[in-house]
Amino acid sequence: MPYARVMGDMILLPNGNVLIINGAGAGSAGWELGRNPALNPVIYRPDGKAGSIRVTKPTTIPRMYHSTAILLRDGRVLVGGSNPHVDYNFTTPLFPTELRLEAFSPPYLDTENNNLRPKIVSPSSKATIGYAKKLVVRFQVGGTLAEKLVSVTMVSPSFTTHSFSMNHRLLFLGNEKVTNAGTATYDIQVTTPSKNLAPSGYYLLFVVHQDIPSEGIWVQIR
């Protein structure tokens, strides 16, 4: 870590990176014991070299105890909370109860990546998929496609509280081949996960191209 952080929230992003956001640089969870708000979100690349952490632009809102974060369908992360008091307290000068929400945009949403960002054509949102089945995902890319840098991921939405994103998981589907399906349109054939890896329910499905995810669609696996 580039600096100390307690009470942080960790969110799995669609490209496999990990966002670490919220929290404090000193103190502990609980009643007004935290200090030095950690205002800079950081992004960790698990597949990179040791210490592959990127520090991003800071927020201006301290997010201390009782903060939260959750991944959205468009790739942003909804951030809220902060209430390091026994009850609601809007007048404490240090860290009052916080009701404002923010949307954190990871670097993959920078406009310079628009030409590389995939757009899912099919399946349609809310489609039902089976276990350990072949699945063809059709997508479009405006710029030049790097076939070896295309993947499909499924993200289980989390139940987030007290710095824990319960049930949160990210799966990379087995990528078998990418084929050209027309002007700026491609098909990628993948294998859906087994029951051992993906409990039945709803997941966000993304196509990722050069670390840049599409907008997700909801799929139900059963």
Protein backbone atom coordinates (compact mmCIF):
# COMPACT_ATOMS: atom_id res chain seq x y z
CA MET A 1 0.00 0.00 0.00
CA PRO A 2 1.28 3.52 -0.74
CA TYR A 3 0.08 4.68 2.68
CA ALA A 4 -1.73 3.39 5.76
CA ARG A 5 -5.48 2.72 5.56
CA VAL A 6 -7.99 1.23 7.97
CA MET A 7 -11.75 0.75 7.45
CA GLY A 8 -11.29 0.69 3.67
CA ASP A 9 -13.73 -0.92 1.23
CA MET A 10 -12.40 -3.29 -1.47
CA ILE A 11 -14.42 -3.71 -4.68
CA LEU A 12 -13.67 -6.12 -7.53
CA LEU A 13 -13.78 -4.24 -10.84
CA PRO A 14 -14.96 -5.90 -14.09
CA ASN A 15 -11.40 -6.17 -15.46
CA GLY A 16 -10.12 -8.06 -12.40
CA ASN A 17 -8.48 -5.11 -10.69
CA VAL A 18 -9.31 -4.24 -7.08
CA LEU A 19 -10.47 -0.81 -5.95
CA ILE A 20 -9.56 0.18 -2.40
CA ILE A 21 -11.56 3.20 -1.27
CA ASN A 22 -12.79 5.01 1.87
CA GLY A 23 -11.36 4.70 5.37
CA ALA A 24 -8.77 6.48 7.49
CA GLY A 25 -5.02 6.68 7.73
CA ALA A 26 -4.90 6.33 11.51
CA GLY A 27 -7.00 5.17 14.43
CA SER A 28 -9.58 2.41 14.36
CA ALA A 29 -13.20 1.63 13.61
CA GLY A 30 -15.77 2.66 16.14
CA TRP A 31 -16.88 5.77 17.81
CA GLU A 32 -14.86 8.78 16.59
CA LEU A 33 -11.53 6.93 16.85
CA GLY A 34 -10.44 7.34 13.22
CA ARG A 35 -8.19 10.14 11.96
CA ASN A 36 -6.53 11.27 8.72
CA PRO A 37 -9.23 10.44 6.12
CA ALA A 38 -7.92 8.32 3.23
CA LEU A 39 -9.18 10.53 0.42
CA ASN A 40 -7.29 8.93 -2.48
CA PRO A 41 -8.81 5.71 -3.89
CA VAL A 42 -6.19 3.25 -5.11
CA ILE A 43 -6.39 0.49 -7.72
CA TYR A 44 -4.45 -2.74 -7.27
CA ARG A 45 -3.57 -5.03 -10.20
CA PRO A 46 -3.36 -8.62 -8.88
CA ASP A 47 -1.71 -9.81 -12.11
CA GLY A 48 0.92 -7.07 -12.10
CA LYS A 49 4.30 -6.84 -10.46
CA ALA A 50 4.58 -6.56 -6.69
CA GLY A 51 3.34 -3.14 -5.67
CA SER A 52 1.23 -2.63 -8.80
CA ILE A 53 -0.97 0.00 -7.21
CA ARG A 54 -2.25 3.16 -8.88
CA VAL A 55 -3.24 6.16 -6.78
CA THR A 56 -6.19 8.06 -8.25
CA LYS A 57 -7.61 11.55 -7.76
CA PRO A 58 -8.86 12.33 -4.24
CA THR A 59 -12.37 13.00 -3.06
CA THR A 60 -13.15 15.92 -0.78
CA ILE A 61 -15.54 13.96 1.45
CA PRO A 62 -14.11 11.96 4.38
CA ARG A 63 -15.53 8.43 4.43
CA MET A 64 -14.84 7.04 7.87
CA TYR A 65 -16.61 4.32 9.89
CA HIS A 66 -19.89 3.07 8.36
CA SER A 67 -18.90 3.94 4.79
CA THR A 68 -19.74 1.74 1.83
CA ALA A 69 -19.08 1.19 -1.88
CA ILE A 70 -20.67 -0.99 -4.58
CA LEU A 71 -20.03 -1.65 -8.28
CA LEU A 72 -22.58 -0.26 -10.75
CA ARG A 73 -23.59 -1.67 -14.13
CA ASP A 74 -21.80 1.09 -16.06
CA GLY A 75 -18.48 0.34 -14.35
CA ARG A 76 -18.60 3.19 -11.85
CA VAL A 77 -18.60 2.61 -8.09
CA LEU A 78 -21.30 4.15 -5.90
CA VAL A 79 -19.80 5.47 -2.67
CA GLY A 80 -21.70 6.58 0.41
CA GLY A 81 -21.85 6.71 4.16
CA SER A 82 -19.65 7.78 7.09
CA ASN A 83 -21.06 7.94 10.57
CA PRO A 84 -18.41 7.43 13.25
CA HIS A 85 -20.84 8.27 16.07
CA VAL A 86 -23.10 6.36 18.41
CA ASP A 87 -26.10 8.17 16.86
CA TYR A 88 -26.58 10.47 13.90
CA ASN A 89 -24.57 13.64 14.44
CA PHE A 90 -24.60 16.43 11.85
CA THR A 91 -22.89 19.07 13.97
CA THR A 92 -19.64 17.44 15.13
CA PRO A 93 -16.94 19.58 13.50
CA LEU A 94 -14.50 16.74 12.80
CA PHE A 95 -16.45 14.08 10.85
CA PRO A 96 -20.22 14.67 10.89
CA THR A 97 -22.72 12.07 9.69
CA GLU A 98 -22.50 12.04 5.89
CA LEU A 99 -25.58 11.63 3.67
CA ARG A 100 -24.08 12.62 0.31
CA LEU A 101 -23.40 10.00 -2.38
CA GLU A 102 -20.59 9.98 -4.91
CA ALA A 103 -19.87 7.98 -8.08
CA PHE A 104 -16.21 7.05 -8.50
CA SER A 105 -15.15 6.58 -12.13
CA PRO A 106 -12.15 4.25 -12.54
CA PRO A 107 -9.54 5.25 -15.14
CA TYR A 108 -10.99 2.78 -17.66
CA LEU A 109 -13.92 5.21 -18.07
CA ASP A 110 -11.68 8.04 -19.28
CA THR A 111 -12.91 9.41 -22.62
CA GLU A 112 -9.59 8.53 -24.26
CA ASN A 113 -10.66 4.86 -24.01
CA ASN A 114 -14.01 5.30 -25.79
CA ASN A 115 -12.76 3.84 -29.06
CA LEU A 116 -11.57 0.67 -27.34
CA ARG A 117 -14.61 0.15 -25.08
CA PRO A 118 -16.77 -2.85 -26.10
CA LYS A 119 -20.54 -2.68 -26.39
CA ILE A 120 -22.48 -5.91 -25.82
CA VAL A 121 -24.98 -6.70 -28.59
CA SER A 122 -26.15 -10.10 -27.37
CA PRO A 123 -27.28 -11.88 -25.30
CA SER A 124 -29.93 -9.43 -24.15
CA SER A 125 -30.03 -8.15 -20.62
CA LYS A 126 -31.79 -10.46 -18.12
CA ALA A 127 -30.97 -13.51 -20.24
CA THR A 128 -30.85 -16.90 -18.53
CA ILE A 129 -27.72 -19.02 -18.98
CA GLY A 130 -26.89 -22.55 -17.88
CA TYR A 131 -23.93 -24.09 -16.08
CA ALA A 132 -20.85 -25.29 -17.97
CA LYS A 133 -22.38 -24.38 -21.34
CA LYS A 134 -20.97 -22.79 -24.48
CA LEU A 135 -22.02 -19.14 -24.72
CA VAL A 136 -21.46 -16.77 -27.61
CA VAL A 137 -21.30 -13.09 -26.68
CA ARG A 138 -21.56 -10.63 -29.55
CA PHE A 139 -20.01 -7.21 -29.06
CA GLN A 140 -18.85 -4.15 -30.99
CA VAL A 141 -15.63 -2.14 -30.78
CA GLY A 142 -15.09 1.15 -32.60
CA GLY A 143 -11.30 0.92 -32.77
CA THR A 144 -8.88 -1.85 -33.67
CA LEU A 145 -9.59 -5.07 -31.80
CA ALA A 146 -6.77 -6.86 -29.98
CA GLU A 147 -8.17 -10.40 -30.06
CA LYS A 148 -5.80 -11.79 -27.46
CA LEU A 149 -6.82 -9.05 -25.01
CA VAL A 150 -10.55 -9.80 -24.95
CA SER A 151 -12.23 -11.56 -22.04
CA VAL A 152 -15.68 -12.04 -20.55
CA THR A 153 -16.27 -11.66 -16.83
CA MET A 154 -19.19 -12.20 -14.49
CA VAL A 155 -19.50 -10.21 -11.28
CA SER A 156 -21.78 -11.17 -8.43
CA PRO A 157 -23.27 -8.06 -6.75
CA SER A 158 -22.27 -7.60 -3.14
CA PHE A 159 -24.02 -7.07 0.15
CA THR A 160 -21.77 -4.37 1.53
CA THR A 161 -21.48 -3.20 5.14
CA HIS A 162 -18.75 -2.51 7.67
CA SER A 163 -15.97 -2.76 5.06
CA PHE A 164 -17.11 -6.22 3.92
CA SER A 165 -18.45 -6.89 0.42
CA MET A 166 -20.19 -10.16 1.20
CA ASN A 167 -21.02 -12.53 -1.67
CA HIS A 168 -18.89 -10.40 -4.00
CA ARG A 169 -17.01 -12.50 -6.58
CA LEU A 170 -15.58 -12.10 -10.06
CA LEU A 171 -15.26 -14.93 -12.58
CA PHE A 172 -13.28 -14.98 -15.83
CA LEU A 173 -15.12 -17.22 -18.29
CA GLY A 174 -13.10 -19.68 -20.35
CA ASN A 175 -12.27 -17.89 -23.61
CA GLU A 176 -12.14 -20.23 -26.60
CA LYS A 177 -12.11 -17.99 -29.69
CA VAL A 178 -12.98 -14.58 -31.12
CA THR A 179 -14.43 -14.33 -34.63
CA ASN A 180 -15.31 -11.40 -36.88
CA ALA A 181 -19.10 -11.07 -37.30
CA GLY A 182 -19.23 -7.98 -39.52
CA THR A 183 -18.35 -4.31 -39.44
CA ALA A 184 -16.79 -3.59 -36.01
CA THR A 185 -18.76 -6.57 -34.63
CA TYR A 186 -17.27 -9.70 -33.08
CA ASP A 187 -18.32 -12.93 -31.41
CA ILE A 188 -16.47 -14.42 -28.48
CA GLN A 189 -17.21 -17.99 -27.44
CA VAL A 190 -16.82 -18.76 -23.76
CA THR A 191 -17.74 -21.49 -21.31
CA THR A 192 -20.04 -20.58 -18.44
CA PRO A 193 -18.91 -21.48 -14.89
CA SER A 194 -19.83 -24.55 -12.89
CA LYS A 195 -22.09 -24.63 -9.83
CA ASN A 196 -18.99 -24.91 -7.66
CA LEU A 197 -17.87 -21.45 -8.75
CA ALA A 198 -21.15 -19.60 -9.28
CA PRO A 199 -24.15 -20.08 -7.00
CA SER A 200 -27.41 -19.63 -8.89
CA GLY A 201 -28.64 -16.07 -9.18
CA TYR A 202 -28.03 -12.81 -11.00
CA TYR A 203 -24.64 -11.60 -12.18
CA LEU A 204 -23.33 -8.66 -14.17
CA LEU A 205 -21.68 -9.87 -17.38
CA PHE A 206 -18.99 -7.72 -19.02
CA VAL A 207 -16.82 -7.91 -22.11
CA VAL A 208 -13.34 -6.56 -21.34
CA HIS A 209 -11.02 -5.32 -24.10
CA GLN A 210 -7.50 -4.21 -23.22
CA ASP A 211 -8.55 -3.82 -19.57
CA ILE A 212 -11.53 -1.63 -20.58
CA PRO A 213 -14.93 -3.13 -19.70
CA SER A 214 -18.19 -2.70 -21.53
CA GLU A 215 -21.33 -1.65 -19.74
CA GLY A 216 -22.55 -4.76 -17.95
CA ILE A 217 -25.74 -6.68 -18.60
CA TRP A 218 -27.65 -8.73 -16.07
CA VAL A 219 -27.73 -12.49 -16.60
CA GLN A 220 -29.26 -15.20 -14.46
CA ILE A 221 -27.37 -18.46 -14.14
CA ARG A 222 -29.26 -21.55 -13.02
